[in-house]
Structure formats: structure tokens, C-alpha cells
Amino acid sequence: MDARLHRQLADELLTARRGRRPVPRISARHPGFTLGDAYAVQRELRALEEADGAVVVGYKIGATSEAIQRMFGIDQPDFGYLTDRMMLPDGCCVDADRFIAPKVEGELAFRLGEDLAGDSVTARDVLDASSEVLPALEICDSRIEHWDIGLVDTVADNASSAMAVLGPPVPPDGTDLAAEQMVFQAGEHVQTASGSAVMGHPAEAVACLARILASYGTGITAGQVVLAGAWAGAVDLLPGSPVKASFGRLGSVSLTVDTRDSDG
């Protein structure tokens, strides 16, 4: 598909996000829409946001656990970008009315202390390059109607990302991230999971991202943050429901939800 359609679809998705009006499934309207097309749309979407003043501060890699792959019918990891406008502080109050159909996930984030790139990056390389890990909540939102998505639809829509809440950082050494346990509470809904649910080890998800980015001629740069993927299934983000993810020695992160504007 040509660049004009890529730009048109990026415009459509950005308008859908800003107006909170979802659009029909892209792959249903364009049967020949490939994964390459989807990432081309995502790059156009990123360019539009950067032109509007947003600053890219990192990435998310999604569909890194069986729970999420089963939930959305996706059979391989994907990635999206994070901007400064998407980052929220621990304990924040989120206005649910700013989204279309938000969901929330508990995961770890890695902040890189040095550049990471190449098609042979390993989990050990990620741990060596990381300056800190942070408990994280990712708010996902689909600009596609009814979350009716396939892989190419979510990729075009920046991997269905919306916001990220980061908790206090801790050093990455001294903790077995694969064995660490998470307790994820959203209102009355409680899930438990271990870090091994994410590709065997959360750092492997970041390594996978670096290898995927290498195929596009880029990588992760020092200072950037990477959300490494949900440890358990995503749940609906509902007004009035507090959300918290606790990771034992790695600490915790939380948010609350309100339908009223946070400025009053």
C-alpha cells in the first residue's frame, strides 16, 4: 500500500484518539493490509505526534505473555512508542473519560543506562545495559471499535497504548525477575503472576524488542524506558476502582480512576 494511505490511516487514528470516537477495523476495510503497512502507519502516527511537540521517551512491547496473546488473539510480540505526554506519576488519579475503552495491565519497565541495539541482543545484555527497573501500570486503549483487533490493527494503532504509570525505580541486580511475584488488584479483581510469564524473563521481552527494532535499522537509546509486557491479563479500567500492582522486593505502583476532570 502506498504512503498516502499510510498517512490517511494515521490521521484517522489520531483523530479517533483525540475525539474518543473509534474507527472500524482496518484489516477488514483493507484486506491486503500487512504488518509492514501497519508499522508504516505507526511511524506516520509518531511523526504527527512529534510534529505537534510530543517527545518520544521509550517503547512498549506487547503480547509477551500467553495471557495477553489469548485475550486478543495475537500470536507474536509487537511494539509501540511512548511519548512524554503518555507518562503519569505513581498514585495519580486518571480521568477515565479521556479514553474510549481503557484496560490496565501490571508489568515491569526497564530504563536503559546505555544504548542497546542489534539482532543478537540477549536478556543478559538488557540487564547489563539497564540502569533501573520500575513497577509499572500500562493503560491500553483501542481506537478500533469494540477492541476488534488483529495483529496489524493493534500495531497500526501504536500497539493499543495510551498511558503508563511508573513506580519508584530499583536497581536491576540482586533480584531474580523471572521468579518475582506480582499481585495485581483492580477494584475487586485480583490476579497473581510471576515474571517468567513474560517470555520466560521480563528482560527477554526487552531483548526481543531490540532485535525487532534492529530489523528497522534502529534500537533503544540510553535514558529511554521500555514497558516489557503484562504479567497477567488486562482488565477494564473502571471509574472508582483503585488499581495497584505489587512486586515484592521491587515495590509497587498504583493509580485511581475518576470520571471527573482532575483539574476540578
Foldseek 3Di string as FASTA:
>chain_A
DDLVVLLVVLVVLVCCLQVVAADAQPCVVPVVQDLVSLLSSLVSNVVVVVVVPWAWQAKEKEPQFPQACVVLVEDDIAMFTDTPVQEDEFAAEAAPVSARWKWKFKFKKFAFQFWDADQPFALVNLLVGTAWMWTKMWIFGASHPPSNDYPSRCSSSRVRGGHMYTHDIDRSPPDQQQAWKKWKDWAPDIDIFGQCSRVHHLSRQQSVVRNVVVVVVDGTGHRGMYTSYGRHHIGTRDAQIKIKMQTVVNGIGIYHYHNDDPVD
